[in-house]
Protein backbone atom coordinates (compact mmCIF):
# COMPACT_ATOMS: atom_id res chain seq x y z
CA MET A 1 -5.26 7.77 -1.85
CA LEU A 2 -6.48 11.24 -0.90
CA SER A 3 -3.39 11.88 1.25
CA TRP A 4 -1.29 11.01 -1.92
CA LEU A 5 -3.27 13.59 -3.89
CA GLY A 6 -2.76 16.13 -1.14
CA TRP A 7 0.81 15.49 -1.25
CA CYS A 8 1.09 16.17 -4.98
CA ARG A 9 -0.95 19.33 -4.65
CA GLU A 10 1.14 20.65 -1.79
CA ARG A 11 4.47 20.31 -3.76
CA GLY A 12 2.91 21.78 -6.88
CA HIS A 13 2.34 18.66 -8.97
CA GLU A 14 -0.70 18.31 -11.10
CA ALA A 15 -2.92 15.48 -9.41
CA PRO A 16 -5.96 13.87 -10.93
CA GLU A 17 -9.14 14.83 -9.63
CA VAL A 18 -11.14 12.16 -7.76
CA PRO A 19 -14.96 12.27 -9.11
CA ALA A 20 -17.37 13.47 -6.39
CA TRP A 21 -19.56 10.43 -6.79
CA THR A 22 -16.79 8.10 -5.60
CA LYS A 23 -16.48 6.66 -2.27
CA GLN A 24 -13.95 4.94 -0.08
CA LEU A 25 -14.51 1.36 0.21
CA THR A 26 -14.03 -0.57 3.41
CA VAL A 27 -10.97 -2.99 3.61
CA PRO A 28 -12.20 -6.48 3.26
CA ASP A 29 -11.50 -8.89 6.31
CA SER A 30 -8.55 -11.06 5.72
CA ASP A 31 -7.08 -14.06 7.63
CA THR A 32 -3.79 -13.25 6.07
CA PRO A 33 -1.35 -12.53 8.92
CA VAL A 34 0.53 -9.27 8.88
CA ARG A 35 4.41 -9.62 8.99
CA SER A 36 6.83 -7.08 10.07
CA ARG A 37 9.57 -5.74 7.78
CA ALA A 38 12.19 -7.59 9.59
CA ALA A 39 10.28 -10.72 9.44
CA ILE A 40 9.94 -10.40 5.65
CA ASP A 41 13.75 -9.80 5.33
CA ARG A 42 14.49 -12.92 7.46
CA LEU A 43 12.01 -14.91 5.14
CA ILE A 44 13.55 -13.40 2.04
CA ALA A 45 17.22 -14.15 3.16
CA ARG A 46 16.58 -17.90 3.81
CA ARG A 47 18.50 -19.84 1.13
CA GLU A 48 16.47 -23.09 1.50
CA VAL A 49 13.35 -21.15 0.39
CA HIS A 50 13.21 -20.61 -3.34
CA PRO A 51 10.93 -17.89 -4.69
CA CYS A 52 9.77 -20.00 -7.66
């Protein structure tokens, strides 16, 4: 998130201030596999798989 705030400031946009007492949380461990963009596109394109 801090990189987004820096991006806003560099371009002259008003960005919210992050309170000094905040801290960055560690990302929780996850067993969810990471998929590439191409793999996701292939899954979405499959006609036999319905999103609902």
